[in-house]
């Protein structure tokens, strides 16, 4: 069995309150279960409730190893780390993998330096768990026990990886934070900065990268995709590294995805607004071929 459970589904910043109860206000954290193998994607504030659940339900069953994949090191995807309770328990082995954008930084320093006295009362050197870090690029990792993880660069202001988890013929793919690739060069000959060769090469490069992502998503049983913006919001926020709901649905349809889960919700999006969007896309999905569409909710589990 390959399944995913959502512990945090928001982007940018946690947003607890009365208007976010149904869908949740924690930032990104996913639990993926492959048979008896447990993997975590991202350490947003959802890592705190997941860590508490893990200690109550898994640790006493003999589970001591936790594999964590970070999509990128923006704060909303790592800020739950200091409150991740397995860190403080002797005998816990934690492996954290992810990309880094700057040669003078390491994954250990970016994630671990949150545990320094200027930010937090406990230092990383004082933790009881054994922690290992591994920096990732585009690659495939054999996790053993039949589980493989393939990585793919996404389009975001810093290096960001999508992950494709495959187990017993099933697949779950994550793609947040991501904005469709586009040509960054002027295409209007009347533009003073226009260069015909650059415009042509920019268009070809964007098309090639978008095709690579279609291949990465191809036939996925579950695609969990960034859908932070409405189309109107996206037009005002191009370059921020996030997608609209329609862009996520379009790429899932073209890639032959079976189930699309829209996540990384905007922190200003209320339960009422998310419910209306979910009803809209679910209703539209019934009139055209394409994947089942679900809006990510904290606490929801679904199988591939």
Protein backbone atom coordinates (compact mmCIF):
# COMPACT_ATOMS: atom_id res chain seq x y z
CA UNK A 1 0.00 0.00 0.00
CA UNK A 2 1.18 3.52 -0.86
CA UNK A 3 -0.67 6.36 0.86
CA UNK A 4 -0.30 9.97 1.92
CA UNK A 5 -1.55 11.82 5.00
CA UNK A 6 -1.59 15.62 5.22
CA UNK A 7 -0.28 17.31 8.37
CA UNK A 8 0.15 20.79 6.86
CA UNK A 9 -1.36 22.19 3.65
CA UNK A 10 -0.73 25.95 3.74
CA UNK A 11 1.87 28.03 1.97
CA UNK A 12 3.93 31.03 3.08
CA UNK A 13 2.96 31.26 6.77
CA UNK A 14 0.81 29.34 9.27
CA UNK A 15 -2.70 30.77 9.63
CA UNK A 16 -4.55 29.29 12.63
CA UNK A 17 -7.99 30.65 13.42
CA UNK A 18 -11.72 30.20 13.14
CA UNK A 19 -11.71 30.60 9.33
CA UNK A 20 -9.18 27.81 8.68
CA UNK A 21 -10.50 24.98 10.87
CA UNK A 22 -11.79 22.69 8.12
CA UNK A 23 -8.76 22.71 5.82
CA UNK A 24 -6.15 23.54 8.45
CA UNK A 25 -3.66 26.33 9.05
CA UNK A 26 -0.30 24.54 9.32
CA UNK A 27 2.36 24.85 6.64
CA UNK A 28 3.60 22.01 4.49
CA UNK A 29 4.17 18.55 5.94
CA UNK A 30 3.22 15.21 4.33
CA UNK A 31 3.45 11.68 5.68
CA UNK A 32 3.92 9.03 2.98
CA UNK A 33 3.51 5.38 3.94
CA UNK A 34 4.94 2.70 1.62
CA UNK A 35 4.07 -0.64 3.16
CA UNK A 36 5.64 -0.28 6.60
CA UNK A 37 8.11 2.37 5.39
CA UNK A 38 7.39 5.92 6.56
CA UNK A 39 8.68 9.05 4.79
CA UNK A 40 8.05 12.74 5.49
CA UNK A 41 8.01 15.54 2.91
CA UNK A 42 8.76 18.99 4.38
CA UNK A 43 9.03 20.25 7.94
CA UNK A 44 6.54 23.11 7.99
CA UNK A 45 4.53 23.69 11.15
CA UNK A 46 2.59 20.51 10.40
CA UNK A 47 5.71 18.65 11.56
CA UNK A 48 4.81 19.46 15.17
CA UNK A 49 1.51 17.50 15.27
CA UNK A 50 3.04 14.77 13.10
CA UNK A 51 5.99 14.40 15.50
CA UNK A 52 3.64 14.11 18.48
CA UNK A 53 1.56 11.49 16.63
CA UNK A 54 4.69 9.57 15.68
CA UNK A 55 5.85 9.36 19.30
CA UNK A 56 2.43 8.14 20.47
CA UNK A 57 1.74 5.68 17.65
CA UNK A 58 4.98 4.60 15.99
CA UNK A 59 7.87 4.96 18.39
CA UNK A 60 6.48 2.44 20.87
CA UNK A 61 6.00 -0.03 18.00
CA UNK A 62 9.74 -0.06 17.43
CA UNK A 63 10.03 2.58 14.71
CA UNK A 64 13.25 4.53 15.24
CA UNK A 65 14.13 5.72 11.71
CA UNK A 66 12.58 8.75 10.01
CA UNK A 67 13.39 9.76 6.41
CA UNK A 68 12.62 13.40 5.62
CA UNK A 69 12.71 15.03 2.18
CA UNK A 70 12.75 18.84 2.07
CA UNK A 71 11.41 20.38 -1.13
CA UNK A 72 13.34 23.62 -0.54
CA UNK A 73 14.58 25.71 2.35
CA UNK A 74 12.11 28.58 2.43
CA UNK A 75 11.00 29.12 5.98
CA UNK A 76 7.43 27.81 5.67
CA UNK A 77 8.85 24.41 4.68
CA UNK A 78 11.35 24.05 7.54
CA UNK A 79 10.03 26.15 10.44
CA UNK A 80 8.45 23.17 12.23
CA UNK A 81 11.86 21.57 12.77
CA UNK A 82 12.54 23.02 16.25
CA UNK A 83 9.20 21.62 17.53
CA UNK A 84 9.61 18.16 15.97
CA UNK A 85 9.42 16.03 19.12
CA UNK A 86 11.43 12.98 17.86
CA UNK A 87 14.50 15.27 17.88
CA UNK A 88 14.53 15.15 21.67
CA UNK A 89 14.24 11.37 22.07
CA UNK A 90 17.34 9.16 22.39
CA UNK A 91 17.48 6.29 19.92
CA UNK A 92 15.76 8.17 17.07
CA UNK A 93 17.59 8.25 13.73
CA UNK A 94 16.60 11.08 11.39
CA UNK A 95 17.83 11.47 7.80
CA UNK A 96 17.09 14.83 6.17
CA UNK A 97 17.57 15.21 2.40
CA UNK A 98 16.98 18.24 0.20
CA UNK A 99 18.45 20.86 -2.17
CA UNK A 100 20.52 23.92 -1.33
CA UNK A 101 20.88 27.04 -3.47
CA UNK A 102 24.17 28.56 -2.29
CA UNK A 103 27.59 26.92 -2.24
CA UNK A 104 28.58 28.49 1.07
CA UNK A 105 25.48 27.08 2.82
CA UNK A 106 24.77 23.49 3.74
CA UNK A 107 21.46 21.78 4.38
CA UNK A 108 22.61 21.15 7.96
CA UNK A 109 23.33 24.83 8.57
CA UNK A 110 20.13 26.15 6.95
CA UNK A 111 17.81 23.75 8.77
CA UNK A 112 19.84 23.29 11.93
CA UNK A 113 20.72 26.94 12.56
CA UNK A 114 17.09 27.53 13.50
CA UNK A 115 18.26 25.82 16.69
CA UNK A 116 20.58 28.57 17.84
CA UNK A 117 20.17 30.88 20.80
CA UNK A 118 19.32 33.89 18.62
CA UNK A 119 16.16 32.04 17.50
CA UNK A 120 15.52 29.18 19.93
CA UNK A 121 16.43 28.12 23.50
CA UNK A 122 17.80 24.70 22.45
CA UNK A 123 20.84 24.24 20.21
CA UNK A 124 21.20 21.51 17.60
CA UNK A 125 24.19 20.08 19.48
CA UNK A 126 21.91 19.45 22.47
CA UNK A 127 19.42 17.23 20.61
CA UNK A 128 19.13 13.58 21.62
CA UNK A 129 18.34 12.16 18.15
CA UNK A 130 21.00 11.17 15.64
CA UNK A 131 20.62 13.41 12.57
CA UNK A 132 22.18 12.97 9.13
CA UNK A 133 21.92 15.42 6.21
CA UNK A 134 22.24 14.72 2.49
CA UNK A 135 22.08 17.38 -0.22
CA UNK A 136 20.15 16.35 -3.32
CA UNK A 137 20.12 17.33 -6.99
CA UNK A 138 18.16 15.61 -9.77
CA UNK A 139 18.60 11.92 -9.06
CA UNK A 140 16.89 8.67 -8.10
CA UNK A 141 17.29 7.30 -4.57
CA UNK A 142 16.73 3.62 -3.83
CA UNK A 143 15.28 3.63 -0.32
CA UNK A 144 15.18 -0.17 -0.08
CA UNK A 145 12.17 -2.38 0.59
CA UNK A 146 10.88 -1.62 -2.92
CA UNK A 147 10.61 2.18 -2.47
CA UNK A 148 12.34 4.57 -4.87
CA UNK A 149 12.34 8.38 -4.93
CA UNK A 150 13.07 10.40 -8.08
CA UNK A 151 13.71 14.14 -7.92
CA UNK A 152 13.02 16.91 -10.45
CA UNK A 153 13.84 20.63 -10.33
CA UNK A 154 10.80 22.90 -10.21
CA UNK A 155 10.47 26.61 -11.06
CA UNK A 156 10.86 28.66 -7.87
CA UNK A 157 13.07 31.59 -6.80
CA UNK A 158 15.47 29.14 -5.07
CA UNK A 159 16.32 25.52 -5.87
CA UNK A 160 13.22 23.44 -5.28
CA UNK A 161 12.67 19.74 -5.90
CA UNK A 162 9.61 17.76 -6.82
CA UNK A 163 9.57 14.17 -5.57
CA UNK A 164 8.16 11.05 -7.21
CA UNK A 165 7.70 8.15 -4.79
CA UNK A 166 7.16 4.73 -6.39
CA UNK A 167 6.25 1.53 -4.59
CA UNK A 168 4.74 -1.73 -5.88
CA UNK A 169 3.62 -0.15 -9.15
CA UNK A 170 2.00 2.89 -7.49
CA UNK A 171 3.25 6.49 -7.49
CA UNK A 172 2.80 9.70 -5.50
CA UNK A 173 4.32 12.93 -6.87
CA UNK A 174 4.77 16.26 -5.06
CA UNK A 175 5.15 19.59 -6.87
CA UNK A 176 5.28 22.62 -4.60
CA UNK A 177 6.41 25.38 -4.76
CA UNK A 178 6.21 25.62 -8.54
CA UNK A 179 5.27 28.03 -11.33
CA UNK A 180 5.07 26.88 -14.96
CA UNK A 181 8.26 27.68 -16.87
CA UNK A 182 7.95 30.63 -19.27
CA UNK A 183 10.07 32.63 -21.68
CA UNK A 184 11.80 35.45 -19.76
CA UNK A 185 12.98 37.31 -22.87
CA UNK A 186 10.95 39.98 -24.74
CA UNK A 187 9.05 38.53 -27.71
CA UNK A 188 7.73 41.79 -29.17
CA UNK A 189 10.03 43.11 -31.94
CA UNK A 190 9.00 46.64 -30.97
CA UNK A 191 10.53 46.18 -27.51
CA UNK A 192 13.92 47.98 -27.28
CA UNK A 193 15.36 44.89 -25.52
CA UNK A 194 14.09 42.45 -28.16
CA UNK A 195 16.61 39.95 -29.49
CA UNK A 196 15.28 37.42 -31.97
CA UNK A 197 17.73 34.65 -31.05
CA UNK A 198 17.23 35.11 -27.30
CA UNK A 199 13.44 35.15 -27.70
CA UNK A 200 13.54 31.93 -29.72
CA UNK A 201 15.89 30.17 -27.30
CA UNK A 202 13.88 31.35 -24.28
CA UNK A 203 10.68 29.95 -25.76
CA UNK A 204 12.36 26.63 -26.57
CA UNK A 205 13.90 26.33 -23.09
CA UNK A 206 10.58 26.98 -21.33
CA UNK A 207 8.79 24.48 -23.56
CA UNK A 208 11.47 21.84 -22.91
CA UNK A 209 11.31 22.25 -19.12
CA UNK A 210 7.51 22.05 -19.10
CA UNK A 211 7.71 18.87 -21.19
CA UNK A 212 10.17 17.38 -18.70
CA UNK A 213 7.67 18.01 -15.92
CA UNK A 214 4.90 16.34 -17.91
CA UNK A 215 7.14 13.29 -18.16
CA UNK A 216 7.88 13.49 -14.41
CA UNK A 217 4.14 13.60 -13.60
CA UNK A 218 3.14 11.07 -16.26
CA UNK A 219 0.57 8.53 -15.11
CA UNK A 220 0.97 9.34 -11.41
CA UNK A 221 -1.64 7.76 -9.18
CA UNK A 222 -1.55 10.90 -7.00
CA UNK A 223 -0.15 14.32 -7.90
CA UNK A 224 0.00 16.82 -5.02
CA UNK A 225 0.44 20.18 -6.75
CA UNK A 226 0.95 23.78 -5.68
CA UNK A 227 -2.30 25.72 -6.20
CA UNK A 228 -1.79 28.86 -4.16
CA UNK A 229 -3.37 31.34 -6.58
CA UNK A 230 -6.52 31.97 -8.53
CA UNK A 231 -5.87 32.94 -12.19
CA UNK A 232 -6.42 36.60 -11.32
CA UNK A 233 -3.95 36.46 -8.43
CA UNK A 234 -1.39 34.65 -10.56
CA UNK A 235 -1.35 37.43 -13.16
CA UNK A 236 -0.35 39.89 -10.42
CA UNK A 237 2.24 37.56 -8.88
CA UNK A 238 4.15 36.11 -11.82
CA UNK A 239 7.65 35.15 -10.76
CA UNK A 240 6.70 34.33 -7.18
CA UNK A 241 7.05 30.61 -7.91
CA UNK A 242 3.48 29.36 -7.43
CA UNK A 243 0.72 28.02 -9.67
CA UNK A 244 -2.97 28.71 -10.11
CA UNK A 245 -5.59 26.01 -9.62
CA UNK A 246 -6.26 25.95 -13.37
CA UNK A 247 -2.59 25.50 -14.23
CA UNK A 248 -2.33 22.53 -11.86
CA UNK A 249 -5.47 20.95 -13.32
CA UNK A 250 -4.27 21.50 -16.89
CA UNK A 251 -0.89 19.83 -16.36
CA UNK A 252 -2.49 16.93 -14.44
CA UNK A 253 -4.91 16.32 -17.31
CA UNK A 254 -2.15 16.39 -19.92
CA UNK A 255 0.05 14.05 -17.84
CA UNK A 256 -2.68 11.44 -17.38
CA UNK A 257 -2.70 11.77 -13.59
CA UNK A 258 -5.36 9.70 -11.82
CA UNK A 259 -5.89 11.83 -8.69
CA UNK A 260 -4.93 15.52 -8.30
CA UNK A 261 -4.71 17.00 -4.81
CA UNK A 262 -4.47 20.80 -4.76
CA UNK A 263 -2.33 22.02 -1.87
CA UNK A 264 -0.10 24.84 -0.58
CA UNK A 265 -3.22 26.96 -0.03
CA UNK A 266 -2.84 30.71 0.25
CA UNK A 267 -2.84 31.74 3.95
CA UNK A 268 -5.60 34.26 3.25
CA UNK A 269 -7.90 31.64 1.73
CA UNK A 270 -10.74 30.83 4.15
CA UNK A 271 -12.49 27.50 4.60
CA UNK A 272 -15.52 28.93 2.85
CA UNK A 273 -13.48 30.04 -0.16
CA UNK A 274 -11.62 26.72 -0.41
CA UNK A 275 -14.89 24.82 -0.16
CA UNK A 276 -16.34 26.90 -3.00
CA UNK A 277 -13.27 26.25 -5.17
CA UNK A 278 -13.41 22.53 -4.43
CA UNK A 279 -17.10 22.37 -5.38
CA UNK A 280 -16.40 24.31 -8.57
CA UNK A 281 -13.58 22.04 -9.77
CA UNK A 282 -15.31 18.86 -8.65
CA UNK A 283 -18.44 19.87 -10.58
CA UNK A 284 -16.44 20.81 -13.67
CA UNK A 285 -14.49 17.55 -13.44
CA UNK A 286 -17.67 15.56 -13.80
CA UNK A 287 -18.25 17.01 -17.28
CA UNK A 288 -14.79 16.31 -18.75
CA UNK A 289 -12.18 13.56 -18.69
CA UNK A 290 -9.33 13.97 -16.29
CA UNK A 291 -8.19 13.22 -12.76
CA UNK A 292 -10.27 13.16 -9.62
CA UNK A 293 -9.73 16.57 -7.99
CA UNK A 294 -9.42 17.01 -4.22
CA UNK A 295 -8.56 20.01 -2.06
CA UNK A 296 -5.91 19.06 0.52
CA UNK A 297 -7.08 19.00 4.16
CA UNK A 298 -5.10 18.45 7.30
CA UNK A 299 -5.68 14.96 8.68
CA UNK A 300 -6.90 13.51 5.38
CA UNK A 301 -5.33 10.26 4.19
CA UNK A 302 -5.69 8.84 0.70
CA UNK A 303 -4.27 5.77 -1.06
CA UNK A 304 -2.58 5.67 -4.44
